[in-house]
Amino acid sequence: MEEIYKEKYLHKAEVLIEALPYIQQFNRKVIVVKYGGSAMADDELKKNVIKDVTLLKLVGFKPIVVHGGGKDISAWINKTGKKSEFVNGLRVTDAETMEIAEMVLGKVNKSLVTMVEELGVKAIGISGKDGGLLTVEKKLSDGRDIGFVGEVTKVDTKILEDLLEKDFLPIVAPIGLDANYDTYNINADDAACAIAKAMGANKLAFLTDIEGVYKDPADPSTFISRLTVSEADALIDDGFIGGGMLPKLKNCTEAIKNGVSRVHILDGRKPHSLLLEVFTDTGIGTMFFKDEEK
């Protein structure tokens, strides 16, 4: 019985004690969580992510969730007989596709709100259109017009600040308006980064389909658990980072340069990766931080 006690219960106590300084350090601090990828397609993973975010809220953090929905959007587009087209990772978005995307993202948004509410925390689902949260201009891809795809030019944080002040958990769909009040789809990574910078977030976490940053993706031994901004920029300049990781890494360094204390890239396919990264000494993904903190 004594051995069972030590193995089972003392280990749990040690985990809680390890988490304590992080809970103290980030109490009442804003953390922006970008939620997307395969973790949204699997019901069990989805529940785990929502549990993680809800726990962050209950222990004193101020989480803001920015979600994607690309796979669901593609599925609905296929149902209409259209074919999804991407340029440099961005969805070509005509008026009909924009209408489908807004419908699907709204559905995803309210499903996440429901899951949080089921766990006893009050959540509010909004899009970047609400309260003038996200103002955009047309985003070109290598000079090509790809339709209603927006680049965030302004973040009006009042609605988020009001929701956090009233103890709600905001869940944001990445849709914005331009100066003519036309609706635009926004890359969820870009939206999360813009919101984190504007809110002065202490943490920005990207839940993705990869474990973090590798110098050589084909070699697991080249995994990098911690990166300063200069080290990340050097990896980009030296050509080690390409494909979909390139814009994500640039978002990470830009956020740090604009006042976000910590940025994390995590594998959302691993259960509770968010909690393991935030509350343990070793972490589980790649963490970015300022050069002077090295």
C-alpha atoms as a PDB file:
ATOM      1  CA  MET A   1       0.000   0.000   0.000  1.00  0.00           C
ATOM      2  CA  GLU A   2       2.853   2.372   0.891  1.00  0.00           C
ATOM      3  CA  GLU A   3       4.514   1.827  -2.490  1.00  0.00           C
ATOM      4  CA  ILE A   4       1.235   2.408  -4.350  1.00  0.00           C
ATOM      5  CA  TYR A   5       0.760   5.621  -2.363  1.00  0.00           C
ATOM      6  CA  LYS A   6       4.201   6.899  -3.270  1.00  0.00           C
ATOM      7  CA  GLU A   7       3.893   6.071  -6.953  1.00  0.00           C
ATOM      8  CA  LYS A   8       0.347   7.262  -7.502  1.00  0.00           C
ATOM      9  CA  TYR A   9      -0.372  10.104  -5.121  1.00  0.00           C
ATOM     10  CA  LEU A  10       3.029  11.642  -4.425  1.00  0.00           C
ATOM     11  CA  HIS A  11       3.647  11.923  -8.151  1.00  0.00           C
ATOM     12  CA  LYS A  12       0.411  13.876  -8.491  1.00  0.00           C
ATOM     13  CA  ALA A  13       1.462  16.146  -5.647  1.00  0.00           C
ATOM     14  CA  GLU A  14       4.854  16.750  -7.261  1.00  0.00           C
ATOM     15  CA  VAL A  15       3.164  17.743 -10.536  1.00  0.00           C
ATOM     16  CA  LEU A  16       0.964  20.247  -8.722  1.00  0.00           C
ATOM     17  CA  ILE A  17       3.942  21.711  -6.849  1.00  0.00           C
ATOM     18  CA  GLU A  18       5.887  22.031 -10.123  1.00  0.00           C
ATOM     19  CA  ALA A  19       2.945  23.962 -11.594  1.00  0.00           C
ATOM     20  CA  LEU A  20       2.666  26.379  -8.637  1.00  0.00           C
ATOM     21  CA  PRO A  21       5.316  28.954  -9.644  1.00  0.00           C
ATOM     22  CA  TYR A  22       3.866  29.154 -13.154  1.00  0.00           C
ATOM     23  CA  ILE A  23       0.378  29.687 -11.761  1.00  0.00           C
ATOM     24  CA  GLN A  24       1.761  32.470  -9.557  1.00  0.00           C
ATOM     25  CA  GLN A  25       3.786  34.039 -12.372  1.00  0.00           C
ATOM     26  CA  PHE A  26       0.951  34.195 -14.883  1.00  0.00           C
ATOM     27  CA  ASN A  27      -1.978  34.830 -12.560  1.00  0.00           C
ATOM     28  CA  ARG A  28      -4.352  37.363 -14.198  1.00  0.00           C
ATOM     29  CA  LYS A  29      -2.132  37.467 -17.299  1.00  0.00           C
ATOM     30  CA  VAL A  30      -3.482  37.167 -20.849  1.00  0.00           C
ATOM     31  CA  ILE A  31      -2.688  34.038 -22.850  1.00  0.00           C
ATOM     32  CA  VAL A  32      -3.819  33.750 -26.481  1.00  0.00           C
ATOM     33  CA  VAL A  33      -4.332  30.207 -27.755  1.00  0.00           C
ATOM     34  CA  LYS A  34      -4.549  29.596 -31.495  1.00  0.00           C
ATOM     35  CA  TYR A  35      -6.493  26.381 -31.914  1.00  0.00           C
ATOM     36  CA  GLY A  36      -6.599  24.543 -35.240  1.00  0.00           C
ATOM     37  CA  GLY A  37      -5.325  21.611 -37.247  1.00  0.00           C
ATOM     38  CA  SER A  38      -6.014  17.952 -36.513  1.00  0.00           C
ATOM     39  CA  ALA A  39      -6.829  18.698 -32.875  1.00  0.00           C
ATOM     40  CA  MET A  40     -10.097  20.186 -34.151  1.00  0.00           C
ATOM     41  CA  ALA A  41     -10.996  17.117 -36.215  1.00  0.00           C
ATOM     42  CA  ASP A  42     -10.796  14.565 -33.394  1.00  0.00           C
ATOM     43  CA  ASP A  43     -13.571  14.817 -30.794  1.00  0.00           C
ATOM     44  CA  GLU A  44     -11.429  13.457 -27.952  1.00  0.00           C
ATOM     45  CA  LEU A  45      -8.558  15.851 -28.707  1.00  0.00           C
ATOM     46  CA  LYS A  46     -11.046  18.713 -28.966  1.00  0.00           C
ATOM     47  CA  LYS A  47     -12.369  17.921 -25.499  1.00  0.00           C
ATOM     48  CA  ASN A  48      -8.817  17.798 -24.113  1.00  0.00           C
ATOM     49  CA  VAL A  49      -7.927  21.199 -25.589  1.00  0.00           C
ATOM     50  CA  ILE A  50     -11.076  22.788 -24.205  1.00  0.00           C
ATOM     51  CA  LYS A  51     -10.402  21.228 -20.797  1.00  0.00           C
ATOM     52  CA  ASP A  52      -6.873  22.669 -20.873  1.00  0.00           C
ATOM     53  CA  VAL A  53      -8.065  26.174 -21.730  1.00  0.00           C
ATOM     54  CA  THR A  54     -10.832  25.981 -19.135  1.00  0.00           C
ATOM     55  CA  LEU A  55      -8.335  24.930 -16.473  1.00  0.00           C
ATOM     56  CA  LEU A  56      -6.107  27.884 -17.372  1.00  0.00           C
ATOM     57  CA  LYS A  57      -9.116  30.115 -16.813  1.00  0.00           C
ATOM     58  CA  LEU A  58      -9.999  28.522 -13.479  1.00  0.00           C
ATOM     59  CA  VAL A  59      -6.461  28.857 -12.051  1.00  0.00           C
ATOM     60  CA  GLY A  60      -6.326  32.581 -12.797  1.00  0.00           C
ATOM     61  CA  PHE A  61      -5.153  33.026 -16.380  1.00  0.00           C
ATOM     62  CA  LYS A  62      -7.066  35.184 -18.862  1.00  0.00           C
ATOM     63  CA  PRO A  63      -7.224  32.948 -21.946  1.00  0.00           C
ATOM     64  CA  ILE A  64      -8.442  34.078 -25.366  1.00  0.00           C
ATOM     65  CA  VAL A  65      -9.021  31.371 -27.975  1.00  0.00           C
ATOM     66  CA  VAL A  66      -8.604  32.131 -31.682  1.00  0.00           C
ATOM     67  CA  HIS A  67      -9.733  29.162 -33.754  1.00  0.00           C
ATOM     68  CA  GLY A  68      -9.424  27.987 -37.313  1.00  0.00           C
ATOM     69  CA  GLY A  69     -11.649  25.621 -39.234  1.00  0.00           C
ATOM     70  CA  GLY A  70      -9.923  25.021 -42.539  1.00  0.00           C
ATOM     71  CA  LYS A  71     -10.717  21.315 -42.819  1.00  0.00           C
ATOM     72  CA  ASP A  72     -14.411  21.879 -42.114  1.00  0.00           C
ATOM     73  CA  ILE A  73     -14.491  24.719 -44.647  1.00  0.00           C
ATOM     74  CA  SER A  74     -12.913  22.507 -47.292  1.00  0.00           C
ATOM     75  CA  ALA A  75     -15.444  19.744 -46.566  1.00  0.00           C
ATOM     76  CA  TRP A  76     -18.376  22.109 -47.036  1.00  0.00           C
ATOM     77  CA  ILE A  77     -16.884  23.599 -50.194  1.00  0.00           C
ATOM     78  CA  ASN A  78     -16.575  20.071 -51.613  1.00  0.00           C
ATOM     79  CA  LYS A  79     -20.257  19.484 -50.870  1.00  0.00           C
ATOM     80  CA  THR A  80     -21.150  22.383 -53.152  1.00  0.00           C
ATOM     81  CA  GLY A  81     -19.138  20.862 -55.992  1.00  0.00           C
ATOM     82  CA  LYS A  82     -16.421  23.493 -55.801  1.00  0.00           C
ATOM     83  CA  LYS A  83     -12.753  22.669 -55.332  1.00  0.00           C
ATOM     84  CA  SER A  84     -10.564  24.302 -52.688  1.00  0.00           C
ATOM     85  CA  GLU A  85      -7.579  26.174 -54.091  1.00  0.00           C
ATOM     86  CA  PHE A  86      -4.590  27.378 -52.079  1.00  0.00           C
ATOM     87  CA  VAL A  87      -1.748  29.751 -52.919  1.00  0.00           C
ATOM     88  CA  ASN A  88       1.224  29.731 -50.520  1.00  0.00           C
ATOM     89  CA  GLY A  89      -0.975  28.135 -47.879  1.00  0.00           C
ATOM     90  CA  LEU A  90      -3.772  30.723 -48.225  1.00  0.00           C
ATOM     91  CA  ARG A  91      -7.241  29.739 -49.412  1.00  0.00           C
ATOM     92  CA  VAL A  92      -8.383  31.447 -52.603  1.00  0.00           C
ATOM     93  CA  THR A  93     -11.638  32.999 -51.407  1.00  0.00           C
ATOM     94  CA  ASP A  94     -14.284  34.225 -53.826  1.00  0.00           C
ATOM     95  CA  ALA A  95     -17.630  35.605 -52.610  1.00  0.00           C
ATOM     96  CA  GLU A  96     -19.287  32.181 -52.428  1.00  0.00           C
ATOM     97  CA  THR A  97     -16.333  30.639 -50.604  1.00  0.00           C
ATOM     98  CA  MET A  98     -16.340  33.544 -48.142  1.00  0.00           C
ATOM     99  CA  GLU A  99     -20.008  32.916 -47.408  1.00  0.00           C
ATOM    100  CA  ILE A 100     -19.303  29.223 -46.745  1.00  0.00           C
ATOM    101  CA  ALA A 101     -16.267  30.036 -44.581  1.00  0.00           C
ATOM    102  CA  GLU A 102     -18.230  32.463 -42.415  1.00  0.00           C
ATOM    103  CA  MET A 103     -21.034  29.940 -41.965  1.00  0.00           C
ATOM    104  CA  VAL A 104     -18.651  27.128 -41.013  1.00  0.00           C
ATOM    105  CA  LEU A 105     -16.500  29.257 -38.688  1.00  0.00           C
ATOM    106  CA  GLY A 106     -19.666  30.457 -36.936  1.00  0.00           C
ATOM    107  CA  LYS A 107     -20.746  26.859 -36.402  1.00  0.00           C
ATOM    108  CA  VAL A 108     -17.310  25.881 -35.075  1.00  0.00           C
ATOM    109  CA  ASN A 109     -17.257  28.947 -32.838  1.00  0.00           C
ATOM    110  CA  LYS A 110     -20.536  28.133 -31.109  1.00  0.00           C
ATOM    111  CA  SER A 111     -19.613  24.468 -30.695  1.00  0.00           C
ATOM    112  CA  LEU A 112     -16.488  25.519 -28.786  1.00  0.00           C
ATOM    113  CA  VAL A 113     -18.537  27.917 -26.661  1.00  0.00           C
ATOM    114  CA  THR A 114     -20.877  25.053 -25.784  1.00  0.00           C
ATOM    115  CA  MET A 115     -17.998  22.794 -24.748  1.00  0.00           C
ATOM    116  CA  VAL A 116     -16.568  25.465 -22.434  1.00  0.00           C
ATOM    117  CA  GLU A 117     -19.991  26.159 -20.930  1.00  0.00           C
ATOM    118  CA  GLU A 118     -20.443  22.436 -20.228  1.00  0.00           C
ATOM    119  CA  LEU A 119     -17.338  22.639 -18.028  1.00  0.00           C
ATOM    120  CA  GLY A 120     -18.835  25.428 -15.925  1.00  0.00           C
ATOM    121  CA  VAL A 121     -17.023  28.447 -17.403  1.00  0.00           C
ATOM    122  CA  LYS A 122     -18.831  31.299 -19.152  1.00  0.00           C
ATOM    123  CA  ALA A 123     -17.674  31.786 -22.746  1.00  0.00           C
ATOM    124  CA  ILE A 124     -18.625  34.277 -25.451  1.00  0.00           C
ATOM    125  CA  GLY A 125     -18.131  33.502 -29.146  1.00  0.00           C
ATOM    126  CA  ILE A 126     -17.389  36.426 -31.443  1.00  0.00           C
ATOM    127  CA  SER A 127     -15.789  37.082 -34.791  1.00  0.00           C
ATOM    128  CA  GLY A 128     -13.391  39.833 -35.748  1.00  0.00           C
ATOM    129  CA  LYS A 129     -16.403  41.723 -37.117  1.00  0.00           C
ATOM    130  CA  ASP A 130     -17.902  42.173 -33.657  1.00  0.00           C
ATOM    131  CA  GLY A 131     -17.128  45.471 -31.976  1.00  0.00           C
ATOM    132  CA  GLY A 132     -14.728  46.346 -34.784  1.00  0.00           C
ATOM    133  CA  LEU A 133     -12.251  43.862 -33.327  1.00  0.00           C
ATOM    134  CA  LEU A 134     -10.317  43.133 -36.544  1.00  0.00           C
ATOM    135  CA  THR A 135      -9.959  45.623 -39.395  1.00  0.00           C
ATOM    136  CA  VAL A 136      -8.289  44.285 -42.512  1.00  0.00           C
ATOM    137  CA  GLU A 137      -7.129  45.132 -45.974  1.00  0.00           C
ATOM    138  CA  LYS A 138      -6.875  42.780 -48.935  1.00  0.00           C
ATOM    139  CA  LYS A 139      -3.909  40.431 -48.638  1.00  0.00           C
ATOM    140  CA  LEU A 140      -2.021  39.568 -51.812  1.00  0.00           C
ATOM    141  CA  SER A 141       0.019  36.408 -52.266  1.00  0.00           C
ATOM    142  CA  ASP A 142       3.192  37.183 -54.238  1.00  0.00           C
ATOM    143  CA  GLY A 143       1.286  40.008 -55.898  1.00  0.00           C
ATOM    144  CA  ARG A 144      -1.686  37.816 -56.808  1.00  0.00           C
ATOM    145  CA  ASP A 145      -5.243  38.759 -55.796  1.00  0.00           C
ATOM    146  CA  ILE A 146      -6.666  35.686 -54.036  1.00  0.00           C
ATOM    147  CA  GLY A 147     -10.033  37.196 -53.174  1.00  0.00           C
ATOM    148  CA  PHE A 148     -11.480  37.955 -49.761  1.00  0.00           C
ATOM    149  CA  VAL A 149      -8.365  37.130 -47.754  1.00  0.00           C
ATOM    150  CA  GLY A 150      -7.523  39.796 -45.187  1.00  0.00           C
ATOM    151  CA  GLU A 151      -4.369  41.212 -43.635  1.00  0.00           C
ATOM    152  CA  VAL A 152      -5.039  42.609 -40.166  1.00  0.00           C
ATOM    153  CA  THR A 153      -4.325  46.354 -40.042  1.00  0.00           C
ATOM    154  CA  LYS A 154      -5.975  47.251 -36.736  1.00  0.00           C
ATOM    155  CA  VAL A 155      -7.114  45.486 -33.575  1.00  0.00           C
ATOM    156  CA  ASP A 156      -9.656  47.254 -31.374  1.00  0.00           C
ATOM    157  CA  THR A 157      -9.230  45.415 -28.083  1.00  0.00           C
ATOM    158  CA  LYS A 158     -12.155  46.993 -26.217  1.00  0.00           C
ATOM    159  CA  ILE A 159     -14.569  44.106 -26.714  1.00  0.00           C
ATOM    160  CA  LEU A 160     -11.957  41.585 -25.508  1.00  0.00           C
ATOM    161  CA  GLU A 161     -11.002  43.727 -22.531  1.00  0.00           C
ATOM    162  CA  ASP A 162     -14.673  44.104 -21.583  1.00  0.00           C
ATOM    163  CA  LEU A 163     -15.284  40.354 -21.831  1.00  0.00           C
ATOM    164  CA  LEU A 164     -12.216  39.511 -19.749  1.00  0.00           C
ATOM    165  CA  GLU A 165     -13.182  42.150 -17.176  1.00  0.00           C
ATOM    166  CA  LYS A 166     -16.607  40.495 -16.864  1.00  0.00           C
ATOM    167  CA  ASP A 167     -14.892  37.103 -16.393  1.00  0.00           C
ATOM    168  CA  PHE A 168     -15.878  35.614 -19.761  1.00  0.00           C
ATOM    169  CA  LEU A 169     -13.642  33.446 -21.911  1.00  0.00           C
ATOM    170  CA  PRO A 170     -13.605  34.975 -25.429  1.00  0.00           C
ATOM    171  CA  ILE A 171     -13.542  32.613 -28.413  1.00  0.00           C
ATOM    172  CA  VAL A 172     -12.728  34.401 -31.677  1.00  0.00           C
ATOM    173  CA  ALA A 173     -13.438  33.376 -35.271  1.00  0.00           C
ATOM    174  CA  PRO A 174     -10.858  34.846 -37.698  1.00  0.00           C
ATOM    175  CA  ILE A 175     -13.119  37.030 -39.843  1.00  0.00           C
ATOM    176  CA  GLY A 176     -12.736  40.792 -40.285  1.00  0.00           C
ATOM    177  CA  LEU A 177     -14.063  43.832 -42.102  1.00  0.00           C
ATOM    178  CA  ASP A 178     -12.232  46.208 -44.427  1.00  0.00           C
ATOM    179  CA  ALA A 179     -12.771  49.969 -44.717  1.00  0.00           C
ATOM    180  CA  ASN A 180     -15.770  49.343 -47.001  1.00  0.00           C
ATOM    181  CA  TYR A 181     -17.279  46.844 -44.525  1.00  0.00           C
ATOM    182  CA  ASP A 182     -16.686  43.901 -46.814  1.00  0.00           C
ATOM    183  CA  THR A 183     -16.122  40.587 -45.038  1.00  0.00           C
ATOM    184  CA  TYR A 184     -12.705  38.883 -45.243  1.00  0.00           C
ATOM    185  CA  ASN A 185     -11.327  35.544 -44.146  1.00  0.00           C
ATOM    186  CA  ILE A 186      -8.141  35.820 -42.049  1.00  0.00           C
ATOM    187  CA  ASN A 187      -5.452  33.210 -41.529  1.00  0.00           C
ATOM    188  CA  ALA A 188      -6.019  32.111 -37.925  1.00  0.00           C
ATOM    189  CA  ASP A 189      -2.293  32.285 -37.089  1.00  0.00           C
ATOM    190  CA  ASP A 190      -2.203  35.895 -38.282  1.00  0.00           C
ATOM    191  CA  ALA A 191      -5.335  36.777 -36.310  1.00  0.00           C
ATOM    192  CA  ALA A 192      -3.969  35.205 -33.117  1.00  0.00           C
ATOM    193  CA  CYS A 193      -0.637  36.992 -33.498  1.00  0.00           C
ATOM    194  CA  ALA A 194      -2.327  40.370 -34.089  1.00  0.00           C
ATOM    195  CA  ILE A 195      -4.599  39.930 -31.063  1.00  0.00           C
ATOM    196  CA  ALA A 196      -1.726  38.804 -28.819  1.00  0.00           C
ATOM    197  CA  LYS A 197       0.339  41.867 -29.767  1.00  0.00           C
ATOM    198  CA  ALA A 198      -2.556  44.283 -29.288  1.00  0.00           C
ATOM    199  CA  MET A 199      -3.542  42.766 -25.926  1.00  0.00           C
ATOM    200  CA  GLY A 200       0.034  42.724 -24.640  1.00  0.00           C
ATOM    201  CA  ALA A 201      -0.354  39.006 -23.980  1.00  0.00           C
ATOM    202  CA  ASN A 202       2.178  37.258 -21.785  1.00  0.00           C
ATOM    203  CA  LYS A 203       1.845  34.079 -23.816  1.00  0.00           C
ATOM    204  CA  LEU A 204       0.824  33.111 -27.339  1.00  0.00           C
ATOM    205  CA  ALA A 205       0.443  29.386 -27.996  1.00  0.00           C
ATOM    206  CA  PHE A 206      -0.003  27.836 -31.448  1.00  0.00           C
ATOM    207  CA  LEU A 207      -1.587  24.370 -31.333  1.00  0.00           C
ATOM    208  CA  THR A 208      -0.458  22.761 -34.580  1.00  0.00           C
ATOM    209  CA  ASP A 209       0.087  19.414 -36.308  1.00  0.00           C
ATOM    210  CA  ILE A 210       3.818  19.400 -35.562  1.00  0.00           C
ATOM    211  CA  GLU A 211       5.798  18.946 -32.352  1.00  0.00           C
ATOM    212  CA  GLY A 212       7.707  22.206 -32.727  1.00  0.00           C
ATOM    213  CA  VAL A 213      10.738  23.471 -34.645  1.00  0.00           C
ATOM    214  CA  TYR A 214      13.337  21.165 -36.180  1.00  0.00           C
ATOM    215  CA  LYS A 215      16.525  22.364 -37.813  1.00  0.00           C
ATOM    216  CA  ASP A 216      16.134  19.352 -40.095  1.00  0.00           C
ATOM    217  CA  PRO A 217      12.541  17.977 -40.145  1.00  0.00           C
ATOM    218  CA  ALA A 218      13.878  14.609 -41.320  1.00  0.00           C
ATOM    219  CA  ASP A 219      16.111  14.266 -38.248  1.00  0.00           C
ATOM    220  CA  PRO A 220      14.290  14.021 -34.877  1.00  0.00           C
ATOM    221  CA  SER A 221      17.534  14.757 -33.026  1.00  0.00           C
ATOM    222  CA  THR A 222      17.523  18.342 -34.380  1.00  0.00           C
ATOM    223  CA  PHE A 223      14.403  19.305 -32.399  1.00  0.00           C
ATOM    224  CA  ILE A 224      14.781  22.742 -30.765  1.00  0.00           C
ATOM    225  CA  SER A 225      12.929  23.281 -27.493  1.00  0.00           C
ATOM    226  CA  ARG A 226      13.961  26.922 -26.949  1.00  0.00           C
ATOM    227  CA  LEU A 227      14.714  29.696 -29.430  1.00  0.00           C
ATOM    228  CA  THR A 228      15.586  33.351 -29.067  1.00  0.00           C
ATOM    229  CA  VAL A 229      14.332  35.781 -31.709  1.00  0.00           C
ATOM    230  CA  SER A 230      17.833  36.100 -33.217  1.00  0.00           C
ATOM    231  CA  GLU A 231      18.260  32.320 -33.373  1.00  0.00           C
ATOM    232  CA  ALA A 232      14.884  31.949 -35.088  1.00  0.00           C
ATOM    233  CA  ASP A 233      15.710  34.713 -37.576  1.00  0.00           C
ATOM    234  CA  ALA A 234      19.030  32.999 -38.336  1.00  0.00           C
ATOM    235  CA  LEU A 235      17.264  29.701 -39.067  1.00  0.00           C
ATOM    236  CA  ILE A 236      15.002  31.537 -41.528  1.00  0.00           C
ATOM    237  CA  ASP A 237      17.861  33.469 -43.161  1.00  0.00           C
ATOM    238  CA  ASP A 238      19.971  30.315 -43.524  1.00  0.00           C
ATOM    239  CA  GLY A 239      17.159  28.495 -45.311  1.00  0.00           C
ATOM    240  CA  PHE A 240      16.422  25.874 -42.665  1.00  0.00           C
ATOM    241  CA  ILE A 241      12.759  26.874 -42.394  1.00  0.00           C
ATOM    242  CA  GLY A 242      10.365  26.557 -45.310  1.00  0.00           C
ATOM    243  CA  GLY A 243       6.827  25.656 -46.302  1.00  0.00           C
ATOM    244  CA  GLY A 244       4.019  26.267 -43.838  1.00  0.00           C
ATOM    245  CA  MET A 245       6.473  26.620 -40.954  1.00  0.00           C
ATOM    246  CA  LEU A 246       7.970  29.809 -42.412  1.00  0.00           C
ATOM    247  CA  PRO A 247       4.987  32.160 -41.848  1.00  0.00           C
ATOM    248  CA  LYS A 248       4.341  30.542 -38.469  1.00  0.00           C
ATOM    249  CA  LEU A 249       7.918  31.196 -37.328  1.00  0.00           C
ATOM    250  CA  LYS A 250       7.715  34.784 -38.568  1.00  0.00           C
ATOM    251  CA  ASN A 251       4.518  35.255 -36.545  1.00  0.00           C
ATOM    252  CA  CYS A 252       6.332  33.918 -33.472  1.00  0.00           C
ATOM    253  CA  THR A 253       9.284  36.295 -33.777  1.00  0.00           C
ATOM    254  CA  GLU A 254       7.067  39.250 -34.661  1.00  0.00           C
ATOM    255  CA  ALA A 255       4.971  38.664 -31.548  1.00  0.00           C
ATOM    256  CA  ILE A 256       8.059  38.590 -29.319  1.00  0.00           C
ATOM    257  CA  LYS A 257       9.416  41.747 -30.944  1.00  0.00           C
ATOM    258  CA  ASN A 258       6.094  43.454 -30.224  1.00  0.00           C
ATOM    259  CA  GLY A 259       5.950  42.724 -26.521  1.00  0.00           C
ATOM    260  CA  VAL A 260       4.591  39.187 -26.109  1.00  0.00           C
ATOM    261  CA  SER A 261       6.744  37.550 -23.421  1.00  0.00           C
ATOM    262  CA  ARG A 262       6.568  33.930 -24.562  1.00  0.00           C
ATOM    263  CA  VAL A 263       5.416  32.231 -27.753  1.00  0.00           C
ATOM    264  CA  HIS A 264       4.962  28.458 -28.016  1.00  0.00           C
ATOM    265  CA  ILE A 265       4.530  26.044 -30.926  1.00  0.00           C
ATOM    266  CA  LEU A 266       2.876  22.846 -29.671  1.00  0.00           C
ATOM    267  CA  ASP A 267       1.606  19.585 -31.109  1.00  0.00           C
ATOM    268  CA  GLY A 268      -2.151  19.809 -30.587  1.00  0.00           C
ATOM    269  CA  ARG A 269      -2.467  16.110 -31.434  1.00  0.00           C
ATOM    270  CA  LYS A 270      -0.835  15.222 -28.104  1.00  0.00           C
ATOM    271  CA  PRO A 271      -3.313  15.222 -25.201  1.00  0.00           C
ATOM    272  CA  HIS A 272      -2.869  18.166 -22.817  1.00  0.00           C
ATOM    273  CA  SER A 273       0.199  19.532 -24.626  1.00  0.00           C
ATOM    274  CA  LEU A 274      -0.877  23.056 -23.638  1.00  0.00           C
ATOM    275  CA  LEU A 275      -0.837  22.261 -19.915  1.00  0.00           C
ATOM    276  CA  LEU A 276       2.473  20.406 -20.170  1.00  0.00           C
ATOM    277  CA  GLU A 277       4.110  23.371 -21.892  1.00  0.00           C
ATOM    278  CA  VAL A 278       2.699  26.013 -19.542  1.00  0.00           C
ATOM    279  CA  PHE A 279       2.975  24.239 -16.200  1.00  0.00           C
ATOM    280  CA  THR A 280       6.117  22.070 -16.345  1.00  0.00           C
ATOM    281  CA  ASP A 281       9.824  22.909 -16.213  1.00  0.00           C
ATOM    282  CA  THR A 282      10.797  20.947 -19.317  1.00  0.00           C
ATOM    283  CA  GLY A 283       7.820  21.778 -21.539  1.00  0.00           C
ATOM    284  CA  ILE A 284       6.850  19.793 -24.612  1.00  0.00           C
ATOM    285  CA  GLY A 285       7.101  22.093 -27.654  1.00  0.00           C
ATOM    286  CA  THR A 286       9.265  24.959 -28.875  1.00  0.00           C
ATOM    287  CA  MET A 287       9.324  28.168 -26.832  1.00  0.00           C
ATOM    288  CA  PHE A 288      10.403  31.564 -28.213  1.00  0.00           C
ATOM    289  CA  PHE A 289      11.703  34.389 -26.039  1.00  0.00           C
ATOM    290  CA  LYS A 290      13.679  37.635 -26.128  1.00  0.00           C
ATOM    291  CA  ASP A 291      17.418  37.617 -26.843  1.00  0.00           C
ATOM    292  CA  GLU A 292      18.254  39.418 -23.611  1.00  0.00           C
ATOM    293  CA  GLU A 293      16.642  36.666 -21.538  1.00  0.00           C
ATOM    294  CA  LYS A 294      18.992  33.959 -22.806  1.00  0.00           C
END
